[in-house]
């Protein structure tokens, strides 16, 4: 298990908390805190609202990949930014549905490994 590491520093408007190492748990904590403090409560959006946001971000990433396929100059970093948005919204959707995204990923990964006869597993 990855331990959470935070950097806490005082600011003019209170305290700033930064996640120093990334894990599913660290993302969840920072993501929910930012959503609540900068936007709205998680439950203000329905699962449908959160999934629509995910789909929008997947669409933006797909559009960049389409342009790349057509030969346009698309930076991998721009695709990465859209993929990051997808992960962030997926985590918020999971939070809204009271799911531990890390556990869901681990369980599904291991189930597929079992199905295809792979010894690669997530612990």
C-alpha atoms as a PDB file:
ATOM      1  CA  UNK A   1       0.000   0.000   0.000  1.00  0.00           C
ATOM      2  CA  UNK A   2       1.248   3.481  -0.867  1.00  0.00           C
ATOM      3  CA  UNK A   3       1.271   5.893   2.027  1.00  0.00           C
ATOM      4  CA  UNK A   4      -0.085   9.376   1.510  1.00  0.00           C
ATOM      5  CA  UNK A   5       2.430  12.189   1.675  1.00  0.00           C
ATOM      6  CA  UNK A   6       1.198  15.759   1.942  1.00  0.00           C
ATOM      7  CA  UNK A   7       2.841  19.137   1.869  1.00  0.00           C
ATOM      8  CA  UNK A   8       0.988  21.626   4.077  1.00  0.00           C
ATOM      9  CA  UNK A   9       1.756  25.328   3.870  1.00  0.00           C
ATOM     10  CA  UNK A  10       0.028  28.445   5.199  1.00  0.00           C
ATOM     11  CA  UNK A  11      -1.408  30.925   2.695  1.00  0.00           C
ATOM     12  CA  UNK A  12      -3.174  34.281   2.975  1.00  0.00           C
ATOM     13  CA  UNK A  13      -6.551  32.537   2.644  1.00  0.00           C
ATOM     14  CA  UNK A  14      -5.840  29.625   4.987  1.00  0.00           C
ATOM     15  CA  UNK A  15      -3.872  26.454   4.467  1.00  0.00           C
ATOM     16  CA  UNK A  16      -2.728  24.896   1.211  1.00  0.00           C
ATOM     17  CA  UNK A  17      -2.492  21.100   1.127  1.00  0.00           C
ATOM     18  CA  UNK A  18      -0.603  19.468  -1.725  1.00  0.00           C
ATOM     19  CA  UNK A  19      -0.375  15.774  -2.498  1.00  0.00           C
ATOM     20  CA  UNK A  20       3.331  15.034  -2.912  1.00  0.00           C
ATOM     21  CA  UNK A  21       3.027  11.440  -4.172  1.00  0.00           C
ATOM     22  CA  UNK A  22       0.269  10.259  -6.469  1.00  0.00           C
ATOM     23  CA  UNK A  23      -1.901   7.272  -5.630  1.00  0.00           C
ATOM     24  CA  UNK A  24      -5.572   6.525  -6.130  1.00  0.00           C
ATOM     25  CA  UNK A  25      -6.159   7.475  -2.483  1.00  0.00           C
ATOM     26  CA  UNK A  26      -4.169  10.697  -2.811  1.00  0.00           C
ATOM     27  CA  UNK A  27      -6.007  11.650  -5.997  1.00  0.00           C
ATOM     28  CA  UNK A  28      -9.356  10.992  -4.336  1.00  0.00           C
ATOM     29  CA  UNK A  29      -8.589  13.094  -1.295  1.00  0.00           C
ATOM     30  CA  UNK A  30      -7.250  16.057  -3.286  1.00  0.00           C
ATOM     31  CA  UNK A  31      -9.902  15.737  -6.007  1.00  0.00           C
ATOM     32  CA  UNK A  32     -12.862  15.731  -3.625  1.00  0.00           C
ATOM     33  CA  UNK A  33     -11.366  18.544  -1.535  1.00  0.00           C
ATOM     34  CA  UNK A  34     -10.847  20.714  -4.621  1.00  0.00           C
ATOM     35  CA  UNK A  35     -14.305  19.924  -5.967  1.00  0.00           C
ATOM     36  CA  UNK A  36     -15.977  20.863  -2.693  1.00  0.00           C
ATOM     37  CA  UNK A  37     -13.911  24.003  -2.050  1.00  0.00           C
ATOM     38  CA  UNK A  38     -13.656  25.369  -5.603  1.00  0.00           C
ATOM     39  CA  UNK A  39     -16.776  24.093  -7.375  1.00  0.00           C
ATOM     40  CA  UNK A  40     -19.581  22.278  -5.535  1.00  0.00           C
ATOM     41  CA  UNK A  41     -20.413  19.250  -3.415  1.00  0.00           C
ATOM     42  CA  UNK A  42     -19.917  15.880  -5.112  1.00  0.00           C
ATOM     43  CA  UNK A  43     -23.596  15.049  -4.640  1.00  0.00           C
ATOM     44  CA  UNK A  44     -24.682  18.237  -6.425  1.00  0.00           C
ATOM     45  CA  UNK A  45     -24.118  16.322  -9.673  1.00  0.00           C
ATOM     46  CA  UNK A  46     -25.824  13.024 -10.407  1.00  0.00           C
ATOM     47  CA  UNK A  47     -23.850  10.049 -11.684  1.00  0.00           C
ATOM     48  CA  UNK A  48     -25.239  10.928 -15.120  1.00  0.00           C
ATOM     49  CA  UNK A  49     -23.794  14.445 -14.842  1.00  0.00           C
ATOM     50  CA  UNK A  50     -20.374  13.078 -13.859  1.00  0.00           C
ATOM     51  CA  UNK A  51     -20.442  10.481 -16.664  1.00  0.00           C
ATOM     52  CA  UNK A  52     -21.365  13.177 -19.182  1.00  0.00           C
ATOM     53  CA  UNK A  53     -18.297  15.123 -18.050  1.00  0.00           C
ATOM     54  CA  UNK A  54     -16.165  11.976 -18.508  1.00  0.00           C
ATOM     55  CA  UNK A  55     -17.590  11.447 -21.991  1.00  0.00           C
ATOM     56  CA  UNK A  56     -16.852  15.059 -22.907  1.00  0.00           C
ATOM     57  CA  UNK A  57     -13.217  14.688 -21.927  1.00  0.00           C
ATOM     58  CA  UNK A  58     -12.900  11.337 -23.746  1.00  0.00           C
ATOM     59  CA  UNK A  59     -14.343  13.100 -26.792  1.00  0.00           C
ATOM     60  CA  UNK A  60     -11.733  15.848 -26.560  1.00  0.00           C
ATOM     61  CA  UNK A  61      -8.941  13.252 -26.383  1.00  0.00           C
ATOM     62  CA  UNK A  62     -10.473  11.319 -29.297  1.00  0.00           C
ATOM     63  CA  UNK A  63     -10.611  14.485 -31.379  1.00  0.00           C
ATOM     64  CA  UNK A  64      -6.887  15.076 -30.829  1.00  0.00           C
ATOM     65  CA  UNK A  65      -6.103  11.469 -31.786  1.00  0.00           C
ATOM     66  CA  UNK A  66      -8.244  11.863 -34.927  1.00  0.00           C
ATOM     67  CA  UNK A  67      -6.270  14.960 -35.891  1.00  0.00           C
ATOM     68  CA  UNK A  68      -3.015  13.120 -35.208  1.00  0.00           C
ATOM     69  CA  UNK A  69      -4.169  10.295 -37.515  1.00  0.00           C
ATOM     70  CA  UNK A  70      -4.871  12.880 -40.243  1.00  0.00           C
ATOM     71  CA  UNK A  71      -1.294  14.060 -39.970  1.00  0.00           C
ATOM     72  CA  UNK A  72      -1.848  17.245 -37.980  1.00  0.00           C
ATOM     73  CA  UNK A  73       0.792  18.319 -35.495  1.00  0.00           C
ATOM     74  CA  UNK A  74      -0.641  17.308 -32.144  1.00  0.00           C
ATOM     75  CA  UNK A  75       1.527  17.282 -29.056  1.00  0.00           C
ATOM     76  CA  UNK A  76       1.482  14.138 -26.938  1.00  0.00           C
ATOM     77  CA  UNK A  77       1.318  16.466 -23.920  1.00  0.00           C
ATOM     78  CA  UNK A  78      -2.016  17.831 -25.146  1.00  0.00           C
ATOM     79  CA  UNK A  79      -3.414  14.310 -25.404  1.00  0.00           C
ATOM     80  CA  UNK A  80      -2.013  13.645 -21.928  1.00  0.00           C
ATOM     81  CA  UNK A  81      -3.854  16.661 -20.531  1.00  0.00           C
ATOM     82  CA  UNK A  82      -7.155  15.361 -21.890  1.00  0.00           C
ATOM     83  CA  UNK A  83      -6.459  11.853 -20.567  1.00  0.00           C
ATOM     84  CA  UNK A  84      -5.709  13.392 -17.164  1.00  0.00           C
ATOM     85  CA  UNK A  85      -9.098  15.150 -17.287  1.00  0.00           C
ATOM     86  CA  UNK A  86     -10.712  11.762 -17.986  1.00  0.00           C
ATOM     87  CA  UNK A  87      -9.041  10.185 -14.947  1.00  0.00           C
ATOM     88  CA  UNK A  88      -9.969  13.129 -12.725  1.00  0.00           C
ATOM     89  CA  UNK A  89     -13.638  13.001 -13.750  1.00  0.00           C
ATOM     90  CA  UNK A  90     -13.713   9.191 -13.458  1.00  0.00           C
ATOM     91  CA  UNK A  91     -12.452   9.524  -9.896  1.00  0.00           C
ATOM     92  CA  UNK A  92     -15.164  12.076  -9.091  1.00  0.00           C
ATOM     93  CA  UNK A  93     -17.803   9.788 -10.612  1.00  0.00           C
ATOM     94  CA  UNK A  94     -16.483   6.926  -8.483  1.00  0.00           C
ATOM     95  CA  UNK A  95     -16.550   9.184  -5.408  1.00  0.00           C
ATOM     96  CA  UNK A  96     -20.158  10.128  -6.172  1.00  0.00           C
ATOM     97  CA  UNK A  97     -21.027   6.419  -6.369  1.00  0.00           C
ATOM     98  CA  UNK A  98     -19.048   5.580  -3.191  1.00  0.00           C
ATOM     99  CA  UNK A  99     -16.619   3.360  -5.115  1.00  0.00           C
ATOM    100  CA  UNK A 100     -12.908   2.960  -4.397  1.00  0.00           C
ATOM    101  CA  UNK A 101     -11.515   3.405  -7.905  1.00  0.00           C
ATOM    102  CA  UNK A 102      -8.162   1.876  -6.988  1.00  0.00           C
ATOM    103  CA  UNK A 103      -9.847  -1.287  -5.703  1.00  0.00           C
ATOM    104  CA  UNK A 104     -12.121  -1.417  -8.763  1.00  0.00           C
ATOM    105  CA  UNK A 105      -9.109  -1.183 -11.094  1.00  0.00           C
ATOM    106  CA  UNK A 106      -7.136  -3.770  -9.137  1.00  0.00           C
ATOM    107  CA  UNK A 107     -10.044  -6.230  -9.025  1.00  0.00           C
ATOM    108  CA  UNK A 108     -10.829  -5.871 -12.735  1.00  0.00           C
ATOM    109  CA  UNK A 109      -7.161  -6.087 -13.770  1.00  0.00           C
ATOM    110  CA  UNK A 110      -6.677  -9.284 -11.758  1.00  0.00           C
ATOM    111  CA  UNK A 111      -9.916 -10.784 -13.075  1.00  0.00           C
ATOM    112  CA  UNK A 112      -8.775 -10.244 -16.674  1.00  0.00           C
ATOM    113  CA  UNK A 113      -5.321 -11.653 -15.825  1.00  0.00           C
ATOM    114  CA  UNK A 114      -7.013 -14.784 -14.473  1.00  0.00           C
ATOM    115  CA  UNK A 115      -9.229 -15.072 -17.559  1.00  0.00           C
ATOM    116  CA  UNK A 116      -6.320 -14.816 -20.026  1.00  0.00           C
ATOM    117  CA  UNK A 117      -3.927 -16.934 -17.975  1.00  0.00           C
ATOM    118  CA  UNK A 118      -1.519 -14.108 -17.133  1.00  0.00           C
ATOM    119  CA  UNK A 119       0.546 -14.146 -13.961  1.00  0.00           C
ATOM    120  CA  UNK A 120       0.704 -10.334 -13.942  1.00  0.00           C
ATOM    121  CA  UNK A 121      -1.399  -9.096 -11.040  1.00  0.00           C
ATOM    122  CA  UNK A 122      -1.921  -5.991  -8.981  1.00  0.00           C
ATOM    123  CA  UNK A 123      -1.549  -6.313  -5.209  1.00  0.00           C
END
